[in-house]
């Protein structure tokens, strides 16, 4: 009986653990939505800049750094990787 309870306990513990949330690949629609929600760029009702637009990228930069960028934010894959690293 003792040996039967150990596998049951292991299964229960495994079921209780949750995998880390997946936000999709950097630059994907799911990732853009994650960044938007995490940094409160839009209000969730469609008010705010379009995901990935220059205005949106500048707003993300402002939220992350507390200041407006000196030049337009590049909004490229390298920049998105940097944003992803800062949010982790």
PDB file of N, CA and C in Angstrom:
ATOM      1  N   UNK A   1       0.829  -1.188   0.000  1.00  0.00           N
ATOM      2  CA  UNK A   1       0.000   0.000   0.000  1.00  0.00           C
ATOM      3  C   UNK A   1       0.876   1.256   0.000  1.00  0.00           C
ATOM      4  N   UNK A   2       1.976   1.170   0.704  1.00  0.00           N
ATOM      5  CA  UNK A   2       2.865   2.315   0.786  1.00  0.00           C
ATOM      6  C   UNK A   2       3.442   2.674  -0.579  1.00  0.00           C
ATOM      7  N   UNK A   3       3.740   1.685  -1.406  1.00  0.00           N
ATOM      8  CA  UNK A   3       4.298   1.926  -2.725  1.00  0.00           C
ATOM      9  C   UNK A   3       3.273   2.493  -3.693  1.00  0.00           C
ATOM     10  N   UNK A   4       2.029   2.198  -3.468  1.00  0.00           N
ATOM     11  CA  UNK A   4       0.983   2.740  -4.338  1.00  0.00           C
ATOM     12  C   UNK A   4       0.738   4.217  -4.066  1.00  0.00           C
ATOM     13  N   UNK A   5       0.937   4.654  -2.852  1.00  0.00           N
ATOM     14  CA  UNK A   5       0.653   6.047  -2.536  1.00  0.00           C
ATOM     15  C   UNK A   5       1.727   6.993  -3.070  1.00  0.00           C
ATOM     16  N   UNK A   6       2.969   6.545  -3.180  1.00  0.00           N
ATOM     17  CA  UNK A   6       4.031   7.398  -3.698  1.00  0.00           C
ATOM     18  C   UNK A   6       3.770   7.818  -5.145  1.00  0.00           C
ATOM     19  N   UNK A   7       3.452   6.895  -6.065  1.00  0.00           N
ATOM     20  CA  UNK A   7       3.147   7.327  -7.435  1.00  0.00           C
ATOM     21  C   UNK A   7       1.941   8.271  -7.497  1.00  0.00           C
ATOM     22  N   UNK A   8       0.963   8.042  -6.665  1.00  0.00           N
ATOM     23  CA  UNK A   8      -0.200   8.920  -6.647  1.00  0.00           C
ATOM     24  C   UNK A   8       0.204  10.319  -6.208  1.00  0.00           C
ATOM     25  N   UNK A   9       1.057  10.392  -5.185  1.00  0.00           N
ATOM     26  CA  UNK A   9       1.521  11.698  -4.717  1.00  0.00           C
ATOM     27  C   UNK A   9       2.323  12.418  -5.798  1.00  0.00           C
ATOM     28  N   UNK A  10       3.159  11.699  -6.508  1.00  0.00           N
ATOM     29  CA  UNK A  10       3.960  12.291  -7.576  1.00  0.00           C
ATOM     30  C   UNK A  10       3.043  12.836  -8.667  1.00  0.00           C
ATOM     31  N   UNK A  11       2.036  12.076  -9.034  1.00  0.00           N
ATOM     32  CA  UNK A  11       1.094  12.540 -10.051  1.00  0.00           C
ATOM     33  C   UNK A  11       0.334  13.784  -9.590  1.00  0.00           C
ATOM     34  N   UNK A  12      -0.062  13.796  -8.344  1.00  0.00           N
ATOM     35  CA  UNK A  12      -0.774  14.966  -7.820  1.00  0.00           C
ATOM     36  C   UNK A  12       0.115  16.206  -7.800  1.00  0.00           C
ATOM     37  N   UNK A  13       1.357  16.045  -7.400  1.00  0.00           N
ATOM     38  CA  UNK A  13       2.283  17.175  -7.410  1.00  0.00           C
ATOM     39  C   UNK A  13       2.534  17.687  -8.816  1.00  0.00           C
ATOM     40  N   UNK A  14       2.685  16.782  -9.749  1.00  0.00           N
ATOM     41  CA  UNK A  14       2.908  17.179 -11.139  1.00  0.00           C
ATOM     42  C   UNK A  14       1.702  17.925 -11.692  1.00  0.00           C
ATOM     43  N   UNK A  15       0.516  17.498 -11.319  1.00  0.00           N
ATOM     44  CA  UNK A  15      -0.699  18.165 -11.797  1.00  0.00           C
ATOM     45  C   UNK A  15      -0.850  19.550 -11.206  1.00  0.00           C
ATOM     46  N   UNK A  16      -0.333  19.773 -10.020  1.00  0.00           N
ATOM     47  CA  UNK A  16      -0.453  21.071  -9.356  1.00  0.00           C
ATOM     48  C   UNK A  16       0.528  22.099  -9.900  1.00  0.00           C
ATOM     49  N   UNK A  17       1.612  21.646 -10.484  1.00  0.00           N
ATOM     50  CA  UNK A  17       2.594  22.577 -11.027  1.00  0.00           C
ATOM     51  C   UNK A  17       2.109  23.069 -12.371  1.00  0.00           C
ATOM     52  N   UNK A  18       2.236  24.371 -12.587  1.00  0.00           N
ATOM     53  CA  UNK A  18       1.816  24.920 -13.868  1.00  0.00           C
ATOM     54  C   UNK A  18       3.044  25.309 -14.680  1.00  0.00           C
ATOM     55  N   UNK A  19       2.940  25.149 -15.961  1.00  0.00           N
ATOM     56  CA  UNK A  19       4.019  25.532 -16.855  1.00  0.00           C
ATOM     57  C   UNK A  19       4.048  27.056 -16.957  1.00  0.00           C
ATOM     58  N   UNK A  20       5.210  27.636 -17.235  1.00  0.00           N
ATOM     59  CA  UNK A  20       5.255  29.080 -17.388  1.00  0.00           C
ATOM     60  C   UNK A  20       4.388  29.510 -18.570  1.00  0.00           C
ATOM     61  N   UNK A  21       3.774  30.678 -18.481  1.00  0.00           N
ATOM     62  CA  UNK A  21       2.904  31.108 -19.558  1.00  0.00           C
ATOM     63  C   UNK A  21       3.672  31.287 -20.860  1.00  0.00           C
ATOM     64  N   UNK A  22       3.045  30.946 -21.945  1.00  0.00           N
ATOM     65  CA  UNK A  22       3.656  31.116 -23.259  1.00  0.00           C
ATOM     66  C   UNK A  22       3.075  32.365 -23.899  1.00  0.00           C
ATOM     67  N   UNK A  23       3.955  33.235 -24.325  1.00  0.00           N
ATOM     68  CA  UNK A  23       3.509  34.475 -24.942  1.00  0.00           C
ATOM     69  C   UNK A  23       3.829  34.487 -26.425  1.00  0.00           C
ATOM     70  N   UNK A  24       4.103  33.340 -26.963  1.00  0.00           N
ATOM     71  CA  UNK A  24       4.411  33.240 -28.378  1.00  0.00           C
ATOM     72  C   UNK A  24       5.836  33.696 -28.667  1.00  0.00           C
ATOM     73  N   UNK A  25       6.204  33.579 -29.899  1.00  0.00           N
ATOM     74  CA  UNK A  25       7.526  34.004 -30.338  1.00  0.00           C
ATOM     75  C   UNK A  25       7.616  35.515 -30.312  1.00  0.00           C
ATOM     76  N   UNK A  26       8.795  36.023 -30.028  1.00  0.00           N
ATOM     77  CA  UNK A  26       9.005  37.465 -30.020  1.00  0.00           C
ATOM     78  C   UNK A  26       8.608  38.020 -31.387  1.00  0.00           C
ATOM     79  N   UNK A  27       7.754  39.024 -31.354  1.00  0.00           N
ATOM     80  CA  UNK A  27       7.266  39.655 -32.588  1.00  0.00           C
ATOM     81  C   UNK A  27       5.938  39.104 -33.082  1.00  0.00           C
ATOM     82  N   UNK A  28       5.500  37.965 -32.514  1.00  0.00           N
ATOM     83  CA  UNK A  28       4.219  37.387 -32.936  1.00  0.00           C
ATOM     84  C   UNK A  28       3.065  38.231 -32.394  1.00  0.00           C
ATOM     85  N   UNK A  29       1.875  38.013 -32.923  1.00  0.00           N
ATOM     86  CA  UNK A  29       0.697  38.731 -32.433  1.00  0.00           C
ATOM     87  C   UNK A  29       0.481  38.482 -30.946  1.00  0.00           C
ATOM     88  N   UNK A  30       0.691  37.235 -30.512  1.00  0.00           N
ATOM     89  CA  UNK A  30       0.524  36.907 -29.092  1.00  0.00           C
ATOM     90  C   UNK A  30       1.546  37.658 -28.248  1.00  0.00           C
ATOM     91  N   UNK A  31       2.766  37.759 -28.720  1.00  0.00           N
ATOM     92  CA  UNK A  31       3.801  38.469 -27.980  1.00  0.00           C
ATOM     93  C   UNK A  31       3.495  39.960 -27.917  1.00  0.00           C
ATOM     94  N   UNK A  32       3.089  40.544 -29.035  1.00  0.00           N
ATOM     95  CA  UNK A  32       2.732  41.967 -29.053  1.00  0.00           C
ATOM     96  C   UNK A  32       1.601  42.255 -28.074  1.00  0.00           C
ATOM     97  N   UNK A  33       0.604  41.378 -28.038  1.00  0.00           N
ATOM     98  CA  UNK A  33      -0.521  41.556 -27.107  1.00  0.00           C
ATOM     99  C   UNK A  33      -0.030  41.434 -25.663  1.00  0.00           C
ATOM    100  N   UNK A  34       0.876  40.497 -25.411  1.00  0.00           N
ATOM    101  CA  UNK A  34       1.451  40.323 -24.068  1.00  0.00           C
ATOM    102  C   UNK A  34       2.170  41.594 -23.621  1.00  0.00           C
ATOM    103  N   UNK A  35       3.028  42.140 -24.475  1.00  0.00           N
ATOM    104  CA  UNK A  35       3.768  43.360 -24.137  1.00  0.00           C
ATOM    105  C   UNK A  35       2.790  44.504 -23.902  1.00  0.00           C
ATOM    106  N   UNK A  36       1.808  44.628 -24.779  1.00  0.00           N
ATOM    107  CA  UNK A  36       0.822  45.695 -24.660  1.00  0.00           C
ATOM    108  C   UNK A  36       0.097  45.620 -23.322  1.00  0.00           C
ATOM    109  N   UNK A  37      -0.315  44.429 -22.949  1.00  0.00           N
ATOM    110  CA  UNK A  37      -1.052  44.248 -21.691  1.00  0.00           C
ATOM    111  C   UNK A  37      -0.133  44.423 -20.493  1.00  0.00           C
ATOM    112  N   UNK A  38       1.053  43.867 -20.572  1.00  0.00           N
ATOM    113  CA  UNK A  38       2.002  43.935 -19.444  1.00  0.00           C
ATOM    114  C   UNK A  38       2.410  45.362 -19.127  1.00  0.00           C
ATOM    115  N   UNK A  39       2.562  46.205 -20.161  1.00  0.00           N
ATOM    116  CA  UNK A  39       2.997  47.586 -19.958  1.00  0.00           C
ATOM    117  C   UNK A  39       1.843  48.581 -19.969  1.00  0.00           C
ATOM    118  N   UNK A  40       0.620  48.085 -20.136  1.00  0.00           N
ATOM    119  CA  UNK A  40      -0.576  48.950 -20.164  1.00  0.00           C
ATOM    120  C   UNK A  40      -0.457  50.044 -21.223  1.00  0.00           C
ATOM    121  N   UNK A  41      -0.110  49.630 -22.432  1.00  0.00           N
ATOM    122  CA  UNK A  41      -0.004  50.585 -23.536  1.00  0.00           C
ATOM    123  C   UNK A  41      -1.401  50.984 -23.995  1.00  0.00           C
ATOM    124  N   UNK A  42      -2.249  50.008 -24.229  1.00  0.00           N
ATOM    125  CA  UNK A  42      -3.636  50.251 -24.639  1.00  0.00           C
ATOM    126  C   UNK A  42      -4.540  50.008 -23.440  1.00  0.00           C
ATOM    127  N   UNK A  43      -5.783  50.401 -23.562  1.00  0.00           N
ATOM    128  CA  UNK A  43      -6.708  50.222 -22.438  1.00  0.00           C
ATOM    129  C   UNK A  43      -7.496  48.924 -22.512  1.00  0.00           C
ATOM    130  N   UNK A  44      -7.202  48.074 -23.484  1.00  0.00           N
ATOM    131  CA  UNK A  44      -7.896  46.797 -23.603  1.00  0.00           C
ATOM    132  C   UNK A  44      -9.212  46.883 -24.349  1.00  0.00           C
ATOM    133  N   UNK A  45      -9.604  48.079 -24.730  1.00  0.00           N
ATOM    134  CA  UNK A  45     -10.861  48.265 -25.463  1.00  0.00           C
ATOM    135  C   UNK A  45     -10.609  48.826 -26.857  1.00  0.00           C
ATOM    136  N   UNK A  46      -9.413  48.639 -27.350  1.00  0.00           N
ATOM    137  CA  UNK A  46      -9.091  49.099 -28.699  1.00  0.00           C
ATOM    138  C   UNK A  46      -8.624  50.538 -28.763  1.00  0.00           C
ATOM    139  N   UNK A  47      -8.438  51.172 -27.619  1.00  0.00           N
ATOM    140  CA  UNK A  47      -7.952  52.547 -27.599  1.00  0.00           C
ATOM    141  C   UNK A  47      -6.461  52.536 -27.349  1.00  0.00           C
ATOM    142  N   UNK A  48      -5.731  53.012 -28.289  1.00  0.00           N
ATOM    143  CA  UNK A  48      -4.282  53.043 -28.173  1.00  0.00           C
ATOM    144  C   UNK A  48      -3.675  52.785 -29.532  1.00  0.00           C
ATOM    145  N   UNK A  49      -2.365  52.924 -29.626  1.00  0.00           N
ATOM    146  CA  UNK A  49      -1.708  52.707 -30.914  1.00  0.00           C
ATOM    147  C   UNK A  49      -1.784  51.245 -31.348  1.00  0.00           C
ATOM    148  N   UNK A  50      -1.741  51.029 -32.642  1.00  0.00           N
ATOM    149  CA  UNK A  50      -1.740  49.673 -33.188  1.00  0.00           C
ATOM    150  C   UNK A  50      -0.458  48.955 -32.784  1.00  0.00           C
ATOM    151  N   UNK A  51      -0.618  47.665 -32.438  1.00  0.00           N
ATOM    152  CA  UNK A  51       0.543  46.862 -32.059  1.00  0.00           C
ATOM    153  C   UNK A  51       1.611  46.930 -33.139  1.00  0.00           C
ATOM    154  N   UNK A  52       2.837  47.171 -32.731  1.00  0.00           N
ATOM    155  CA  UNK A  52       3.952  47.162 -33.662  1.00  0.00           C
ATOM    156  C   UNK A  52       4.138  48.428 -34.464  1.00  0.00           C
ATOM    157  N   UNK A  53       3.219  49.402 -34.319  1.00  0.00           N
ATOM    158  CA  UNK A  53       3.370  50.660 -35.048  1.00  0.00           C
ATOM    159  C   UNK A  53       4.477  51.492 -34.406  1.00  0.00           C
ATOM    160  N   UNK A  54       4.928  52.505 -35.106  1.00  0.00           N
ATOM    161  CA  UNK A  54       5.969  53.379 -34.552  1.00  0.00           C
ATOM    162  C   UNK A  54       5.505  54.014 -33.242  1.00  0.00           C
ATOM    163  N   UNK A  55       4.267  54.467 -33.210  1.00  0.00           N
ATOM    164  CA  UNK A  55       3.726  55.075 -31.989  1.00  0.00           C
ATOM    165  C   UNK A  55       3.713  54.069 -30.834  1.00  0.00           C
ATOM    166  N   UNK A  56       3.332  52.822 -31.140  1.00  0.00           N
ATOM    167  CA  UNK A  56       3.293  51.773 -30.123  1.00  0.00           C
ATOM    168  C   UNK A  56       4.694  51.483 -29.594  1.00  0.00           C
ATOM    169  N   UNK A  57       5.660  51.337 -30.487  1.00  0.00           N
ATOM    170  CA  UNK A  57       7.037  51.041 -30.075  1.00  0.00           C
ATOM    171  C   UNK A  57       7.609  52.177 -29.227  1.00  0.00           C
ATOM    172  N   UNK A  58       7.309  53.425 -29.598  1.00  0.00           N
ATOM    173  CA  UNK A  58       7.769  54.559 -28.799  1.00  0.00           C
ATOM    174  C   UNK A  58       7.120  54.538 -27.415  1.00  0.00           C
ATOM    175  N   UNK A  59       5.840  54.139 -27.338  1.00  0.00           N
ATOM    176  CA  UNK A  59       5.149  54.046 -26.043  1.00  0.00           C
ATOM    177  C   UNK A  59       5.761  52.940 -25.191  1.00  0.00           C
ATOM    178  N   UNK A  60       6.122  51.824 -25.802  1.00  0.00           N
ATOM    179  CA  UNK A  60       6.782  50.731 -25.073  1.00  0.00           C
ATOM    180  C   UNK A  60       8.113  51.232 -24.527  1.00  0.00           C
ATOM    181  N   UNK A  61       8.875  51.928 -25.356  1.00  0.00           N
ATOM    182  CA  UNK A  61      10.158  52.483 -24.923  1.00  0.00           C
ATOM    183  C   UNK A  61       9.949  53.401 -23.716  1.00  0.00           C
ATOM    184  N   UNK A  62       8.958  54.268 -23.794  1.00  0.00           N
ATOM    185  CA  UNK A  62       8.681  55.189 -22.691  1.00  0.00           C
ATOM    186  C   UNK A  62       8.343  54.446 -21.402  1.00  0.00           C
ATOM    187  N   UNK A  63       7.510  53.410 -21.509  1.00  0.00           N
ATOM    188  CA  UNK A  63       7.121  52.643 -20.323  1.00  0.00           C
ATOM    189  C   UNK A  63       8.319  51.914 -19.709  1.00  0.00           C
ATOM    190  N   UNK A  64       9.216  51.432 -20.548  1.00  0.00           N
ATOM    191  CA  UNK A  64      10.379  50.685 -20.046  1.00  0.00           C
ATOM    192  C   UNK A  64      11.472  51.585 -19.481  1.00  0.00           C
ATOM    193  N   UNK A  65      11.643  52.771 -20.082  1.00  0.00           N
ATOM    194  CA  UNK A  65      12.774  53.620 -19.727  1.00  0.00           C
ATOM    195  C   UNK A  65      12.383  54.919 -19.015  1.00  0.00           C
ATOM    196  N   UNK A  66      11.094  55.234 -18.982  1.00  0.00           N
ATOM    197  CA  UNK A  66      10.651  56.441 -18.302  1.00  0.00           C
ATOM    198  C   UNK A  66      10.961  57.735 -19.026  1.00  0.00           C
ATOM    199  N   UNK A  67      11.339  57.632 -20.280  1.00  0.00           N
ATOM    200  CA  UNK A  67      11.617  58.830 -21.074  1.00  0.00           C
ATOM    201  C   UNK A  67      11.342  58.542 -22.544  1.00  0.00           C
ATOM    202  N   UNK A  68      11.069  59.581 -23.252  1.00  0.00           N
ATOM    203  CA  UNK A  68      10.830  59.434 -24.689  1.00  0.00           C
ATOM    204  C   UNK A  68      12.160  59.132 -25.378  1.00  0.00           C
ATOM    205  N   UNK A  69      12.120  58.332 -26.435  1.00  0.00           N
ATOM    206  CA  UNK A  69      13.367  58.040 -27.144  1.00  0.00           C
ATOM    207  C   UNK A  69      13.884  59.286 -27.868  1.00  0.00           C
ATOM    208  N   UNK A  70      15.210  59.433 -27.948  1.00  0.00           N
ATOM    209  CA  UNK A  70      15.813  60.571 -28.641  1.00  0.00           C
ATOM    210  C   UNK A  70      15.511  60.518 -30.140  1.00  0.00           C
ATOM    211  N   UNK A  71      15.451  59.317 -30.669  1.00  0.00           N
ATOM    212  CA  UNK A  71      15.120  59.090 -32.077  1.00  0.00           C
ATOM    213  C   UNK A  71      14.019  58.040 -32.109  1.00  0.00           C
ATOM    214  N   UNK A  72      13.314  57.917 -33.225  1.00  0.00           N
ATOM    215  CA  UNK A  72      12.272  56.890 -33.284  1.00  0.00           C
ATOM    216  C   UNK A  72      12.826  55.506 -32.928  1.00  0.00           C
ATOM    217  N   UNK A  73      12.064  54.779 -32.138  1.00  0.00           N
ATOM    218  CA  UNK A  73      12.438  53.425 -31.745  1.00  0.00           C
ATOM    219  C   UNK A  73      12.477  52.549 -32.994  1.00  0.00           C
ATOM    220  N   UNK A  74      13.503  51.700 -33.148  1.00  0.00           N
ATOM    221  CA  UNK A  74      13.642  50.928 -34.382  1.00  0.00           C
ATOM    222  C   UNK A  74      12.518  49.938 -34.660  1.00  0.00           C
ATOM    223  N   UNK A  75      11.868  49.378 -33.662  1.00  0.00           N
ATOM    224  CA  UNK A  75      10.754  48.423 -33.835  1.00  0.00           C
ATOM    225  C   UNK A  75      11.148  47.189 -34.640  1.00  0.00           C
ATOM    226  N   UNK A  76      12.412  46.822 -34.614  1.00  0.00           N
ATOM    227  CA  UNK A  76      12.856  45.650 -35.359  1.00  0.00           C
ATOM    228  C   UNK A  76      12.999  44.453 -34.424  1.00  0.00           C
ATOM    229  N   UNK A  77      13.401  43.325 -34.965  1.00  0.00           N
ATOM    230  CA  UNK A  77      13.513  42.093 -34.183  1.00  0.00           C
ATOM    231  C   UNK A  77      14.519  42.239 -33.043  1.00  0.00           C
ATOM    232  N   UNK A  78      15.618  42.934 -33.284  1.00  0.00           N
ATOM    233  CA  UNK A  78      16.615  43.144 -32.237  1.00  0.00           C
ATOM    234  C   UNK A  78      16.018  43.926 -31.078  1.00  0.00           C
ATOM    235  N   UNK A  79      15.287  44.992 -31.380  1.00  0.00           N
ATOM    236  CA  UNK A  79      14.640  45.797 -30.341  1.00  0.00           C
ATOM    237  C   UNK A  79      13.621  44.955 -29.580  1.00  0.00           C
ATOM    238  N   UNK A  80      12.847  44.152 -30.301  1.00  0.00           N
ATOM    239  CA  UNK A  80      11.851  43.305 -29.647  1.00  0.00           C
ATOM    240  C   UNK A  80      12.505  42.292 -28.718  1.00  0.00           C
ATOM    241  N   UNK A  81      13.645  41.748 -29.105  1.00  0.00           N
ATOM    242  CA  UNK A  81      14.394  40.826 -28.242  1.00  0.00           C
ATOM    243  C   UNK A  81      14.829  41.537 -26.962  1.00  0.00           C
ATOM    244  N   UNK A  82      15.262  42.790 -27.085  1.00  0.00           N
ATOM    245  CA  UNK A  82      15.671  43.570 -25.913  1.00  0.00           C
ATOM    246  C   UNK A  82      14.476  43.812 -24.989  1.00  0.00           C
ATOM    247  N   UNK A  83      13.321  44.142 -25.562  1.00  0.00           N
ATOM    248  CA  UNK A  83      12.115  44.343 -24.781  1.00  0.00           C
ATOM    249  C   UNK A  83      11.755  43.057 -24.057  1.00  0.00           C
ATOM    250  N   UNK A  84      11.816  41.944 -24.761  1.00  0.00           N
ATOM    251  CA  UNK A  84      11.478  40.651 -24.168  1.00  0.00           C
ATOM    252  C   UNK A  84      12.390  40.355 -22.978  1.00  0.00           C
ATOM    253  N   UNK A  85      13.671  40.625 -23.130  1.00  0.00           N
ATOM    254  CA  UNK A  85      14.632  40.374 -22.049  1.00  0.00           C
ATOM    255  C   UNK A  85      14.323  41.254 -20.843  1.00  0.00           C
ATOM    256  N   UNK A  86      13.935  42.494 -21.066  1.00  0.00           N
ATOM    257  CA  UNK A  86      13.617  43.402 -19.956  1.00  0.00           C
ATOM    258  C   UNK A  86      12.360  42.975 -19.226  1.00  0.00           C
ATOM    259  N   UNK A  87      11.432  42.359 -19.916  1.00  0.00           N
ATOM    260  CA  UNK A  87      10.180  41.958 -19.299  1.00  0.00           C
ATOM    261  C   UNK A  87      10.290  40.639 -18.533  1.00  0.00           C
ATOM    262  N   UNK A  88      11.364  39.919 -18.718  1.00  0.00           N
ATOM    263  CA  UNK A  88      11.534  38.626 -18.025  1.00  0.00           C
ATOM    264  C   UNK A  88      12.071  38.807 -16.641  1.00  0.00           C
TER     265      UNK A  88
END
